[in-house]
Amino acid sequence: MDYNYLGSTNLKVSKLAFGTLTISPLQKNLSVEESLPVMLEAFNRGVNFFDTAEGYNNYEHLRNFLKHVNRNDVIISTKTYAYSREQAKKSLEKALTEMDTNYIDLFMLHEQMNEQTIKGHYEAIEYFLEMKSKGIIKAIGISTHYVAGVIATKYFDAIEVVHPIINKAGIGICDGDLKAMEDGIKSLDDSKGIFAMKALAGGNLLNSIDDAFDYILNFKGLDAIAIGMQNINEVIFNVNKFENKQIHDTIIKALDFQNRKLHIGDWCVGCSNCVKICQQKAIHVINGKAVVDYDKCTCCGYCSQACDEFCIKII
């Protein structure tokens, strides 16, 4: 497994990061017990970078995992929508308590759109800077689906890591095409760590998975790439892809390469909460029910957080 430092931070991470959204209640909904062997398989194969978020509701899974490894051998990143000092403090305390750890390696502001959005959340960044000075946070970053969000980080020295969406089809980029996102990422200097997400577009590129991996693994300047994994076979497949090793036929046959899709239950009441949270503009309410535009949906699952009726799932 290749390892890189995230930009100018002291975080040395595996090129393959374990994206834990897929094991969370928003997607596969693995139990704490079910998720442990999957995460341990990745760790034992050299993956030391595990990404989560407050909204994934899976801190308990990470807590259990950390009981079985040396905490100092693992890099944990998480994300929050906090924009005030009070909210940032609450998010940090929640992460520390629920994962039972004394520090967070990388704390990111979630889904930042542009320079104005970052400025609107800067009170949270200032709090994180204080916690960084105390060693409770090791590095600060943002996640973004926007080219403008990537470019905006040039103007904020406090932002050390950028977590942008990037895949061969450009699926999920909200304000431009693939070329614009590529250029935006390449425009950042070496001081910014680049931690890519949605390389398989939330499962939408599983039918062309070899091409998707070829694209992302040959994209220069990426320190790490988050891939969601739900079972041990997926871990083995992804690790071997990153290490350019031959993958046994039994592993390939055991994988389900069917595209995952967002499913909305018949009991949807058309409240539009999912429409409001979807940055991809992939959901519309038609005739009183939510309808998915699958050409735009990245299967992030964030819309399910906003559904009071619990009728949204990824299947």
C-alpha atoms as a PDB file:
ATOM      1  CA  MET A   1       0.000   0.000   0.000  1.00  0.00           C
ATOM      2  CA  ASP A   2       1.265   3.468  -0.868  1.00  0.00           C
ATOM      3  CA  TYR A   3       1.277   6.116   1.852  1.00  0.00           C
ATOM      4  CA  ASN A   4       1.380   9.887   1.498  1.00  0.00           C
ATOM      5  CA  TYR A   5       1.380  12.886   3.758  1.00  0.00           C
ATOM      6  CA  LEU A   6      -1.791  14.935   3.448  1.00  0.00           C
ATOM      7  CA  GLY A   7      -0.298  18.136   2.043  1.00  0.00           C
ATOM      8  CA  SER A   8       1.837  19.862   4.640  1.00  0.00           C
ATOM      9  CA  THR A   9       0.224  18.062   7.590  1.00  0.00           C
ATOM     10  CA  ASN A  10       1.936  15.364   9.613  1.00  0.00           C
ATOM     11  CA  LEU A  11      -0.786  12.880   8.717  1.00  0.00           C
ATOM     12  CA  LYS A  12       0.699   9.970   6.781  1.00  0.00           C
ATOM     13  CA  VAL A  13      -2.233   8.159   5.217  1.00  0.00           C
ATOM     14  CA  SER A  14      -2.789   5.125   3.034  1.00  0.00           C
ATOM     15  CA  LYS A  15      -3.628   6.025  -0.569  1.00  0.00           C
ATOM     16  CA  LEU A  16      -6.812   3.992  -0.130  1.00  0.00           C
ATOM     17  CA  ALA A  17      -9.089   5.450   2.520  1.00  0.00           C
ATOM     18  CA  PHE A  18     -12.017   3.490   3.928  1.00  0.00           C
ATOM     19  CA  GLY A  19     -15.186   5.515   3.332  1.00  0.00           C
ATOM     20  CA  THR A  20     -17.517   4.439   6.124  1.00  0.00           C
ATOM     21  CA  LEU A  21     -20.684   5.984   4.678  1.00  0.00           C
ATOM     22  CA  THR A  22     -21.427   2.618   3.053  1.00  0.00           C
ATOM     23  CA  ILE A  23     -21.560   0.738   6.369  1.00  0.00           C
ATOM     24  CA  SER A  24     -23.621   3.451   8.052  1.00  0.00           C
ATOM     25  CA  PRO A  25     -27.401   3.568   8.618  1.00  0.00           C
ATOM     26  CA  LEU A  26     -27.604   5.762   5.511  1.00  0.00           C
ATOM     27  CA  GLN A  27     -26.589   2.851   3.288  1.00  0.00           C
ATOM     28  CA  LYS A  28     -25.834  -0.805   4.132  1.00  0.00           C
ATOM     29  CA  ASN A  29     -26.677  -0.264   7.800  1.00  0.00           C
ATOM     30  CA  LEU A  30     -24.240  -2.842   9.136  1.00  0.00           C
ATOM     31  CA  SER A  31     -24.375  -3.446  12.849  1.00  0.00           C
ATOM     32  CA  VAL A  32     -21.373  -2.602  15.003  1.00  0.00           C
ATOM     33  CA  GLU A  33     -20.515  -6.307  15.119  1.00  0.00           C
ATOM     34  CA  GLU A  34     -20.948  -6.794  11.355  1.00  0.00           C
ATOM     35  CA  SER A  35     -18.772  -3.836  10.440  1.00  0.00           C
ATOM     36  CA  LEU A  36     -15.800  -4.785  12.627  1.00  0.00           C
ATOM     37  CA  PRO A  37     -14.340  -7.630  10.495  1.00  0.00           C
ATOM     38  CA  VAL A  38     -14.690  -5.479   7.368  1.00  0.00           C
ATOM     39  CA  MET A  39     -12.743  -2.583   8.878  1.00  0.00           C
ATOM     40  CA  LEU A  40     -10.164  -4.910  10.431  1.00  0.00           C
ATOM     41  CA  GLU A  41      -9.640  -6.609   7.067  1.00  0.00           C
ATOM     42  CA  ALA A  42      -8.855  -3.230   5.529  1.00  0.00           C
ATOM     43  CA  PHE A  43      -6.564  -2.253   8.396  1.00  0.00           C
ATOM     44  CA  ASN A  44      -4.688  -5.551   8.272  1.00  0.00           C
ATOM     45  CA  ARG A  45      -4.157  -5.034   4.537  1.00  0.00           C
ATOM     46  CA  GLY A  46      -2.541  -1.650   5.071  1.00  0.00           C
ATOM     47  CA  VAL A  47      -5.450   0.810   5.128  1.00  0.00           C
ATOM     48  CA  ASN A  48      -4.869   3.235   7.993  1.00  0.00           C
ATOM     49  CA  PHE A  49      -7.217   6.063   6.912  1.00  0.00           C
ATOM     50  CA  PHE A  50     -10.908   5.878   7.894  1.00  0.00           C
ATOM     51  CA  ASP A  51     -13.364   8.604   6.948  1.00  0.00           C
ATOM     52  CA  THR A  52     -16.685   9.292   8.633  1.00  0.00           C
ATOM     53  CA  ALA A  53     -18.983  12.229   9.385  1.00  0.00           C
ATOM     54  CA  GLU A  54     -21.267  13.318  12.183  1.00  0.00           C
ATOM     55  CA  GLY A  55     -24.253  12.791   9.903  1.00  0.00           C
ATOM     56  CA  TYR A  56     -23.331   9.195   9.119  1.00  0.00           C
ATOM     57  CA  ASN A  57     -24.374   8.151  12.630  1.00  0.00           C
ATOM     58  CA  ASN A  58     -21.672   5.497  12.809  1.00  0.00           C
ATOM     59  CA  TYR A  59     -19.280   6.798  15.463  1.00  0.00           C
ATOM     60  CA  GLU A  60     -20.158   3.705  17.529  1.00  0.00           C
ATOM     61  CA  HIS A  61     -18.762   1.526  14.723  1.00  0.00           C
ATOM     62  CA  LEU A  62     -15.474   3.462  14.781  1.00  0.00           C
ATOM     63  CA  ARG A  63     -15.378   3.293  18.578  1.00  0.00           C
ATOM     64  CA  ASN A  64     -15.578  -0.490  18.477  1.00  0.00           C
ATOM     65  CA  PHE A  65     -12.971  -0.686  15.718  1.00  0.00           C
ATOM     66  CA  LEU A  66     -10.532   1.496  17.654  1.00  0.00           C
ATOM     67  CA  LYS A  67     -10.733  -0.916  20.600  1.00  0.00           C
ATOM     68  CA  HIS A  68      -9.101  -3.582  18.437  1.00  0.00           C
ATOM     69  CA  VAL A  69      -6.181  -1.555  17.048  1.00  0.00           C
ATOM     70  CA  ASN A  70      -3.539   0.859  18.255  1.00  0.00           C
ATOM     71  CA  ARG A  71      -5.169   4.301  18.066  1.00  0.00           C
ATOM     72  CA  ASN A  72      -1.903   5.897  16.954  1.00  0.00           C
ATOM     73  CA  ASP A  73      -1.810   3.605  13.922  1.00  0.00           C
ATOM     74  CA  VAL A  74      -5.129   4.928  12.583  1.00  0.00           C
ATOM     75  CA  ILE A  75      -6.001   8.228  10.927  1.00  0.00           C
ATOM     76  CA  ILE A  76      -9.626   9.255  11.536  1.00  0.00           C
ATOM     77  CA  SER A  77     -11.319  12.028   9.601  1.00  0.00           C
ATOM     78  CA  THR A  78     -14.796  13.322  10.277  1.00  0.00           C
ATOM     79  CA  LYS A  79     -17.018  16.164   9.093  1.00  0.00           C
ATOM     80  CA  THR A  80     -19.545  18.620  10.496  1.00  0.00           C
ATOM     81  CA  TYR A  81     -21.982  21.225   9.204  1.00  0.00           C
ATOM     82  CA  ALA A  82     -21.184  23.500  12.176  1.00  0.00           C
ATOM     83  CA  TYR A  83     -20.907  27.218  11.440  1.00  0.00           C
ATOM     84  CA  SER A  84     -20.649  28.657  14.967  1.00  0.00           C
ATOM     85  CA  ARG A  85     -18.202  28.145  17.804  1.00  0.00           C
ATOM     86  CA  GLU A  86     -20.897  26.545  19.928  1.00  0.00           C
ATOM     87  CA  GLN A  87     -21.872  24.088  17.197  1.00  0.00           C
ATOM     88  CA  ALA A  88     -18.236  23.252  16.436  1.00  0.00           C
ATOM     89  CA  LYS A  89     -17.570  22.582  20.121  1.00  0.00           C
ATOM     90  CA  LYS A  90     -20.613  20.331  20.306  1.00  0.00           C
ATOM     91  CA  SER A  91     -19.553  18.427  17.172  1.00  0.00           C
ATOM     92  CA  LEU A  92     -16.025  17.903  18.447  1.00  0.00           C
ATOM     93  CA  GLU A  93     -17.201  16.717  21.856  1.00  0.00           C
ATOM     94  CA  LYS A  94     -19.636  14.322  20.191  1.00  0.00           C
ATOM     95  CA  ALA A  95     -16.892  12.862  17.994  1.00  0.00           C
ATOM     96  CA  LEU A  96     -14.421  12.484  20.876  1.00  0.00           C
ATOM     97  CA  THR A  97     -16.990  10.961  23.223  1.00  0.00           C
ATOM     98  CA  GLU A  98     -18.776   8.628  20.833  1.00  0.00           C
ATOM     99  CA  MET A  99     -15.552   7.323  19.264  1.00  0.00           C
ATOM    100  CA  ASP A 100     -13.829   7.251  22.673  1.00  0.00           C
ATOM    101  CA  THR A 101     -10.698   8.991  21.452  1.00  0.00           C
ATOM    102  CA  ASN A 102      -8.612  11.863  22.810  1.00  0.00           C
ATOM    103  CA  TYR A 103      -8.101  13.498  19.432  1.00  0.00           C
ATOM    104  CA  ILE A 104      -9.386  13.701  15.868  1.00  0.00           C
ATOM    105  CA  ASP A 105      -6.781  13.542  13.129  1.00  0.00           C
ATOM    106  CA  LEU A 106      -8.741  15.501  10.524  1.00  0.00           C
ATOM    107  CA  PHE A 107     -11.854  17.571  11.152  1.00  0.00           C
ATOM    108  CA  MET A 108     -13.572  18.947   8.067  1.00  0.00           C
ATOM    109  CA  LEU A 109     -16.418  21.322   7.359  1.00  0.00           C
ATOM    110  CA  HIS A 110     -18.948  19.347   5.357  1.00  0.00           C
ATOM    111  CA  GLU A 111     -20.148  20.316   1.850  1.00  0.00           C
ATOM    112  CA  GLN A 112     -18.635  23.770   1.472  1.00  0.00           C
ATOM    113  CA  MET A 113     -19.753  25.502  -1.732  1.00  0.00           C
ATOM    114  CA  ASN A 114     -17.515  28.546  -2.218  1.00  0.00           C
ATOM    115  CA  GLU A 115     -15.551  31.306  -0.517  1.00  0.00           C
ATOM    116  CA  GLN A 116     -18.702  32.844   0.964  1.00  0.00           C
ATOM    117  CA  THR A 117     -19.780  29.527   2.458  1.00  0.00           C
ATOM    118  CA  ILE A 118     -16.398  29.065   4.112  1.00  0.00           C
ATOM    119  CA  LYS A 119     -16.507  32.609   5.482  1.00  0.00           C
ATOM    120  CA  GLY A 120     -19.955  31.872   6.876  1.00  0.00           C
ATOM    121  CA  HIS A 121     -18.507  28.893   8.754  1.00  0.00           C
ATOM    122  CA  TYR A 122     -15.283  30.591   9.807  1.00  0.00           C
ATOM    123  CA  GLU A 123     -16.271  30.850  13.461  1.00  0.00           C
ATOM    124  CA  ALA A 124     -16.201  27.035  13.517  1.00  0.00           C
ATOM    125  CA  ILE A 125     -12.781  27.040  11.846  1.00  0.00           C
ATOM    126  CA  GLU A 126     -11.470  29.463  14.478  1.00  0.00           C
ATOM    127  CA  TYR A 127     -12.605  27.077  17.202  1.00  0.00           C
ATOM    128  CA  PHE A 128     -10.937  24.164  15.416  1.00  0.00           C
ATOM    129  CA  LEU A 129      -7.736  26.197  15.211  1.00  0.00           C
ATOM    130  CA  GLU A 130      -7.831  26.608  19.001  1.00  0.00           C
ATOM    131  CA  MET A 131      -8.302  22.868  19.414  1.00  0.00           C
ATOM    132  CA  LYS A 132      -5.485  22.221  16.962  1.00  0.00           C
ATOM    133  CA  SER A 133      -3.154  24.320  19.117  1.00  0.00           C
ATOM    134  CA  LYS A 134      -4.018  21.977  21.996  1.00  0.00           C
ATOM    135  CA  GLY A 135      -3.420  18.830  19.945  1.00  0.00           C
ATOM    136  CA  ILE A 136      -7.066  17.747  20.082  1.00  0.00           C
ATOM    137  CA  ILE A 137      -7.411  18.230  16.311  1.00  0.00           C
ATOM    138  CA  LYS A 138      -4.406  17.469  14.095  1.00  0.00           C
ATOM    139  CA  ALA A 139      -5.577  19.080  10.835  1.00  0.00           C
ATOM    140  CA  ILE A 140      -8.501  21.058   9.399  1.00  0.00           C
ATOM    141  CA  GLY A 141     -10.189  20.663   6.027  1.00  0.00           C
ATOM    142  CA  ILE A 142     -13.344  20.934   3.959  1.00  0.00           C
ATOM    143  CA  SER A 143     -15.344  18.579   1.783  1.00  0.00           C
ATOM    144  CA  THR A 144     -16.946  19.933  -1.378  1.00  0.00           C
ATOM    145  CA  HIS A 145     -18.862  19.007  -4.522  1.00  0.00           C
ATOM    146  CA  TYR A 146     -18.058  22.412  -6.022  1.00  0.00           C
ATOM    147  CA  VAL A 147     -15.182  23.610  -8.169  1.00  0.00           C
ATOM    148  CA  ALA A 148     -15.606  26.980  -6.458  1.00  0.00           C
ATOM    149  CA  GLY A 149     -15.206  25.279  -3.088  1.00  0.00           C
ATOM    150  CA  VAL A 150     -11.905  23.747  -4.152  1.00  0.00           C
ATOM    151  CA  ILE A 151     -10.550  27.024  -5.503  1.00  0.00           C
ATOM    152  CA  ALA A 152     -11.715  28.995  -2.447  1.00  0.00           C
ATOM    153  CA  THR A 153      -9.384  27.046  -0.164  1.00  0.00           C
ATOM    154  CA  LYS A 154      -6.447  28.961  -1.688  1.00  0.00           C
ATOM    155  CA  TYR A 155      -7.539  31.980   0.362  1.00  0.00           C
ATOM    156  CA  PHE A 156      -7.694  30.204   3.721  1.00  0.00           C
ATOM    157  CA  ASP A 157      -4.406  29.082   5.237  1.00  0.00           C
ATOM    158  CA  ALA A 158      -6.296  27.332   8.033  1.00  0.00           C
ATOM    159  CA  ILE A 159      -7.711  24.839   5.538  1.00  0.00           C
ATOM    160  CA  GLU A 160      -5.014  22.211   5.113  1.00  0.00           C
ATOM    161  CA  VAL A 161      -6.973  19.422   3.414  1.00  0.00           C
ATOM    162  CA  VAL A 162      -9.484  19.495   0.558  1.00  0.00           C
ATOM    163  CA  HIS A 163     -11.881  16.580   0.085  1.00  0.00           C
ATOM    164  CA  PRO A 164     -13.389  17.074  -3.414  1.00  0.00           C
ATOM    165  CA  ILE A 165     -15.667  14.916  -5.509  1.00  0.00           C
ATOM    166  CA  ILE A 166     -13.876  13.582  -8.593  1.00  0.00           C
ATOM    167  CA  ASN A 167     -14.579  10.638 -10.898  1.00  0.00           C
ATOM    168  CA  LYS A 168     -14.129   9.786 -14.560  1.00  0.00           C
ATOM    169  CA  ALA A 169     -17.689  10.764 -15.480  1.00  0.00           C
ATOM    170  CA  GLY A 170     -17.793  14.013 -13.507  1.00  0.00           C
ATOM    171  CA  ILE A 171     -20.916  12.766 -11.723  1.00  0.00           C
ATOM    172  CA  GLY A 172     -21.836  14.875  -8.706  1.00  0.00           C
ATOM    173  CA  ILE A 173     -19.917  18.043  -9.574  1.00  0.00           C
ATOM    174  CA  CYS A 174     -22.406  20.820  -8.846  1.00  0.00           C
ATOM    175  CA  ASP A 175     -21.019  23.887 -10.597  1.00  0.00           C
ATOM    176  CA  GLY A 176     -18.977  22.771 -13.577  1.00  0.00           C
ATOM    177  CA  ASP A 177     -17.750  19.864 -15.629  1.00  0.00           C
ATOM    178  CA  LEU A 178     -15.012  17.319 -15.045  1.00  0.00           C
ATOM    179  CA  LYS A 179     -12.355  19.461 -16.738  1.00  0.00           C
ATOM    180  CA  ALA A 180     -13.138  22.386 -14.435  1.00  0.00           C
ATOM    181  CA  MET A 181     -12.821  20.180 -11.347  1.00  0.00           C
ATOM    182  CA  GLU A 182      -9.562  18.679 -12.613  1.00  0.00           C
ATOM    183  CA  ASP A 183      -8.154  22.155 -13.223  1.00  0.00           C
ATOM    184  CA  GLY A 184      -9.366  23.352  -9.826  1.00  0.00           C
ATOM    185  CA  ILE A 185      -7.641  20.511  -8.015  1.00  0.00           C
ATOM    186  CA  LYS A 186      -4.455  20.935 -10.034  1.00  0.00           C
ATOM    187  CA  SER A 187      -4.399  24.667  -9.236  1.00  0.00           C
ATOM    188  CA  LEU A 188      -3.850  24.012  -5.524  1.00  0.00           C
ATOM    189  CA  ASP A 189      -0.278  24.138  -4.317  1.00  0.00           C
ATOM    190  CA  ASP A 190       1.433  21.284  -2.528  1.00  0.00           C
ATOM    191  CA  SER A 191       0.560  22.697   0.879  1.00  0.00           C
ATOM    192  CA  LYS A 192      -3.036  21.488   0.492  1.00  0.00           C
ATOM    193  CA  GLY A 193      -3.685  17.816   1.035  1.00  0.00           C
ATOM    194  CA  ILE A 194      -6.047  16.366  -1.583  1.00  0.00           C
ATOM    195  CA  PHE A 195      -8.327  13.590  -0.400  1.00  0.00           C
ATOM    196  CA  ALA A 196     -10.677  12.543  -3.227  1.00  0.00           C
ATOM    197  CA  MET A 197     -14.197  11.194  -2.808  1.00  0.00           C
ATOM    198  CA  LYS A 198     -16.874   9.500  -4.914  1.00  0.00           C
ATOM    199  CA  ALA A 199     -14.359   7.905  -7.293  1.00  0.00           C
ATOM    200  CA  LEU A 200     -17.035   5.341  -8.172  1.00  0.00           C
ATOM    201  CA  ALA A 201     -19.794   7.998  -8.125  1.00  0.00           C
ATOM    202  CA  GLY A 202     -21.693   6.362  -5.290  1.00  0.00           C
ATOM    203  CA  GLY A 203     -21.803   3.059  -7.158  1.00  0.00           C
ATOM    204  CA  ASN A 204     -22.955   4.548 -10.452  1.00  0.00           C
ATOM    205  CA  LEU A 205     -19.676   3.539 -12.128  1.00  0.00           C
ATOM    206  CA  LEU A 206     -19.600  -0.058 -10.946  1.00  0.00           C
ATOM    207  CA  ASN A 207     -20.404  -1.261 -14.449  1.00  0.00           C
ATOM    208  CA  SER A 208     -17.192   0.392 -15.683  1.00  0.00           C
ATOM    209  CA  ILE A 209     -15.211  -0.123 -12.507  1.00  0.00           C
ATOM    210  CA  ASP A 210     -11.865  -0.868 -14.182  1.00  0.00           C
ATOM    211  CA  ASP A 211     -11.988   2.396 -16.141  1.00  0.00           C
ATOM    212  CA  ALA A 212     -13.076   4.275 -13.010  1.00  0.00           C
ATOM    213  CA  PHE A 213     -10.094   2.943 -11.063  1.00  0.00           C
ATOM    214  CA  ASP A 214      -7.688   3.586 -13.939  1.00  0.00           C
ATOM    215  CA  TYR A 215      -8.832   7.201 -14.049  1.00  0.00           C
ATOM    216  CA  ILE A 216      -8.626   7.964 -10.342  1.00  0.00           C
ATOM    217  CA  LEU A 217      -5.382   6.060  -9.701  1.00  0.00           C
ATOM    218  CA  ASN A 218      -3.664   7.889 -12.537  1.00  0.00           C
ATOM    219  CA  PHE A 219      -4.872  11.327 -11.474  1.00  0.00           C
ATOM    220  CA  LYS A 220      -1.713  13.008 -10.218  1.00  0.00           C
ATOM    221  CA  GLY A 221      -1.651  14.927  -6.982  1.00  0.00           C
ATOM    222  CA  LEU A 222      -4.176  12.912  -4.977  1.00  0.00           C
ATOM    223  CA  ASP A 223      -2.815  12.038  -1.547  1.00  0.00           C
ATOM    224  CA  ALA A 224      -5.688   9.690  -0.733  1.00  0.00           C
ATOM    225  CA  ILE A 225      -8.883   8.377  -2.301  1.00  0.00           C
ATOM    226  CA  ALA A 226     -11.937   7.387  -0.282  1.00  0.00           C
ATOM    227  CA  ILE A 227     -13.735   4.252  -1.445  1.00  0.00           C
ATOM    228  CA  GLY A 228     -16.814   2.912   0.304  1.00  0.00           C
ATOM    229  CA  MET A 229     -16.612  -0.744   1.307  1.00  0.00           C
ATOM    230  CA  GLN A 230     -19.387  -2.950   2.676  1.00  0.00           C
ATOM    231  CA  ASN A 231     -17.838  -6.400   2.922  1.00  0.00           C
ATOM    232  CA  ILE A 232     -14.526  -8.231   3.008  1.00  0.00           C
ATOM    233  CA  ASN A 233     -14.584  -9.110  -0.686  1.00  0.00           C
ATOM    234  CA  GLU A 234     -14.870  -5.421  -1.575  1.00  0.00           C
ATOM    235  CA  VAL A 235     -11.930  -4.661   0.722  1.00  0.00           C
ATOM    236  CA  ILE A 236      -9.774  -7.303  -0.963  1.00  0.00           C
ATOM    237  CA  PHE A 237     -10.794  -6.108  -4.431  1.00  0.00           C
ATOM    238  CA  ASN A 238     -10.072  -2.443  -3.689  1.00  0.00           C
ATOM    239  CA  VAL A 239      -6.760  -3.058  -1.923  1.00  0.00           C
ATOM    240  CA  ASN A 240      -5.568  -5.177  -4.822  1.00  0.00           C
ATOM    241  CA  LYS A 241      -6.632  -2.501  -7.290  1.00  0.00           C
ATOM    242  CA  PHE A 242      -4.631   0.116  -5.390  1.00  0.00           C
ATOM    243  CA  GLU A 243      -1.639  -2.203  -5.157  1.00  0.00           C
ATOM    244  CA  ASN A 244      -1.935  -3.176  -8.842  1.00  0.00           C
ATOM    245  CA  LYS A 245      -2.218  -6.849  -7.969  1.00  0.00           C
ATOM    246  CA  GLN A 246      -4.086  -9.579  -9.774  1.00  0.00           C
ATOM    247  CA  ILE A 247      -7.537 -10.209  -8.339  1.00  0.00           C
ATOM    248  CA  HIS A 248      -8.638 -13.813  -8.018  1.00  0.00           C
ATOM    249  CA  ASP A 249     -11.738 -14.821  -9.979  1.00  0.00           C
ATOM    250  CA  THR A 250     -13.465 -15.997  -6.801  1.00  0.00           C
ATOM    251  CA  ILE A 251     -13.328 -12.456  -5.409  1.00  0.00           C
ATOM    252  CA  ILE A 252     -14.679 -10.928  -8.611  1.00  0.00           C
ATOM    253  CA  LYS A 253     -17.505 -13.459  -8.810  1.00  0.00           C
ATOM    254  CA  ALA A 254     -18.442 -12.802  -5.196  1.00  0.00           C
ATOM    255  CA  LEU A 255     -18.902  -9.080  -5.794  1.00  0.00           C
ATOM    256  CA  ASP A 256     -22.233  -7.566  -6.767  1.00  0.00           C
ATOM    257  CA  PHE A 257     -21.526  -5.000  -9.458  1.00  0.00           C
ATOM    258  CA  GLN A 258     -25.154  -4.026  -9.859  1.00  0.00           C
ATOM    259  CA  ASN A 259     -25.622  -0.296  -9.569  1.00  0.00           C
ATOM    260  CA  ARG A 260     -26.984   0.791  -6.232  1.00  0.00           C
ATOM    261  CA  LYS A 261     -29.912   3.159  -6.441  1.00  0.00           C
ATOM    262  CA  LEU A 262     -31.783   5.515  -4.189  1.00  0.00           C
ATOM    263  CA  HIS A 263     -35.196   4.114  -3.358  1.00  0.00           C
ATOM    264  CA  ILE A 264     -38.098   6.181  -2.033  1.00  0.00           C
ATOM    265  CA  GLY A 265     -40.867   4.289  -0.263  1.00  0.00           C
ATOM    266  CA  ASP A 266     -44.497   4.461  -1.263  1.00  0.00           C
ATOM    267  CA  TRP A 267     -45.368   6.218   1.990  1.00  0.00           C
ATOM    268  CA  CYS A 268     -43.494   9.398   0.987  1.00  0.00           C
ATOM    269  CA  VAL A 269     -45.609  12.449   1.917  1.00  0.00           C
ATOM    270  CA  GLY A 270     -43.885  14.884  -0.445  1.00  0.00           C
ATOM    271  CA  CYS A 271     -42.570  17.187   2.301  1.00  0.00           C
ATOM    272  CA  SER A 272     -39.600  18.329   0.112  1.00  0.00           C
ATOM    273  CA  ASN A 273     -37.020  18.001   2.897  1.00  0.00           C
ATOM    274  CA  CYS A 274     -34.967  15.717   0.666  1.00  0.00           C
ATOM    275  CA  VAL A 275     -35.204  18.203  -2.197  1.00  0.00           C
ATOM    276  CA  LYS A 276     -33.786  20.972  -0.034  1.00  0.00           C
ATOM    277  CA  ILE A 277     -30.764  18.980   1.155  1.00  0.00           C
ATOM    278  CA  CYS A 278     -29.806  17.470  -2.218  1.00  0.00           C
ATOM    279  CA  GLN A 279     -26.916  19.467  -3.695  1.00  0.00           C
ATOM    280  CA  GLN A 280     -27.141  17.471  -6.911  1.00  0.00           C
ATOM    281  CA  LYS A 281     -30.728  18.639  -7.562  1.00  0.00           C
ATOM    282  CA  ALA A 282     -31.508  14.983  -8.164  1.00  0.00           C
ATOM    283  CA  ILE A 283     -34.844  14.853  -6.327  1.00  0.00           C
ATOM    284  CA  HIS A 284     -38.113  16.550  -7.242  1.00  0.00           C
ATOM    285  CA  VAL A 285     -41.578  16.320  -5.786  1.00  0.00           C
ATOM    286  CA  ILE A 286     -44.039  15.319  -8.490  1.00  0.00           C
ATOM    287  CA  ASN A 287     -47.717  14.693  -7.771  1.00  0.00           C
ATOM    288  CA  GLY A 288     -47.042  14.791  -4.053  1.00  0.00           C
ATOM    289  CA  LYS A 289     -44.193  12.230  -4.064  1.00  0.00           C
ATOM    290  CA  ALA A 290     -40.395  12.519  -4.220  1.00  0.00           C
ATOM    291  CA  VAL A 291     -38.942  11.313  -7.523  1.00  0.00           C
ATOM    292  CA  VAL A 292     -35.240  10.602  -8.213  1.00  0.00           C
ATOM    293  CA  ASP A 293     -33.314  11.735 -11.283  1.00  0.00           C
ATOM    294  CA  TYR A 294     -30.859   8.851 -11.469  1.00  0.00           C
ATOM    295  CA  ASP A 295     -28.655  10.673 -13.973  1.00  0.00           C
ATOM    296  CA  LYS A 296     -27.800  13.194 -11.242  1.00  0.00           C
ATOM    297  CA  CYS A 297     -27.978  11.089  -8.064  1.00  0.00           C
ATOM    298  CA  THR A 298     -24.618  10.122  -6.511  1.00  0.00           C
ATOM    299  CA  CYS A 299     -26.162   7.797  -3.893  1.00  0.00           C
ATOM    300  CA  CYS A 300     -24.621   9.822  -1.065  1.00  0.00           C
ATOM    301  CA  GLY A 301     -27.616   9.047   1.126  1.00  0.00           C
ATOM    302  CA  TYR A 302     -27.649  12.463   2.778  1.00  0.00           C
ATOM    303  CA  CYS A 303     -31.287  12.966   1.787  1.00  0.00           C
ATOM    304  CA  SER A 304     -32.276  10.096   4.066  1.00  0.00           C
ATOM    305  CA  GLN A 305     -31.123  12.172   7.057  1.00  0.00           C
ATOM    306  CA  ALA A 306     -33.737  14.773   6.190  1.00  0.00           C
ATOM    307  CA  CYS A 307     -36.605  12.324   5.743  1.00  0.00           C
ATOM    308  CA  ASP A 308     -38.897  12.399   8.778  1.00  0.00           C
ATOM    309  CA  GLU A 309     -40.857   9.466   7.365  1.00  0.00           C
ATOM    310  CA  PHE A 310     -37.778   7.178   7.025  1.00  0.00           C
ATOM    311  CA  CYS A 311     -38.749   6.262   3.494  1.00  0.00           C
ATOM    312  CA  ILE A 312     -35.408   6.825   1.712  1.00  0.00           C
ATOM    313  CA  LYS A 313     -32.845   4.051   1.358  1.00  0.00           C
ATOM    314  CA  ILE A 314     -30.018   3.037  -0.969  1.00  0.00           C
ATOM    315  CA  ILE A 315     -30.529  -0.491  -2.282  1.00  0.00           C
END
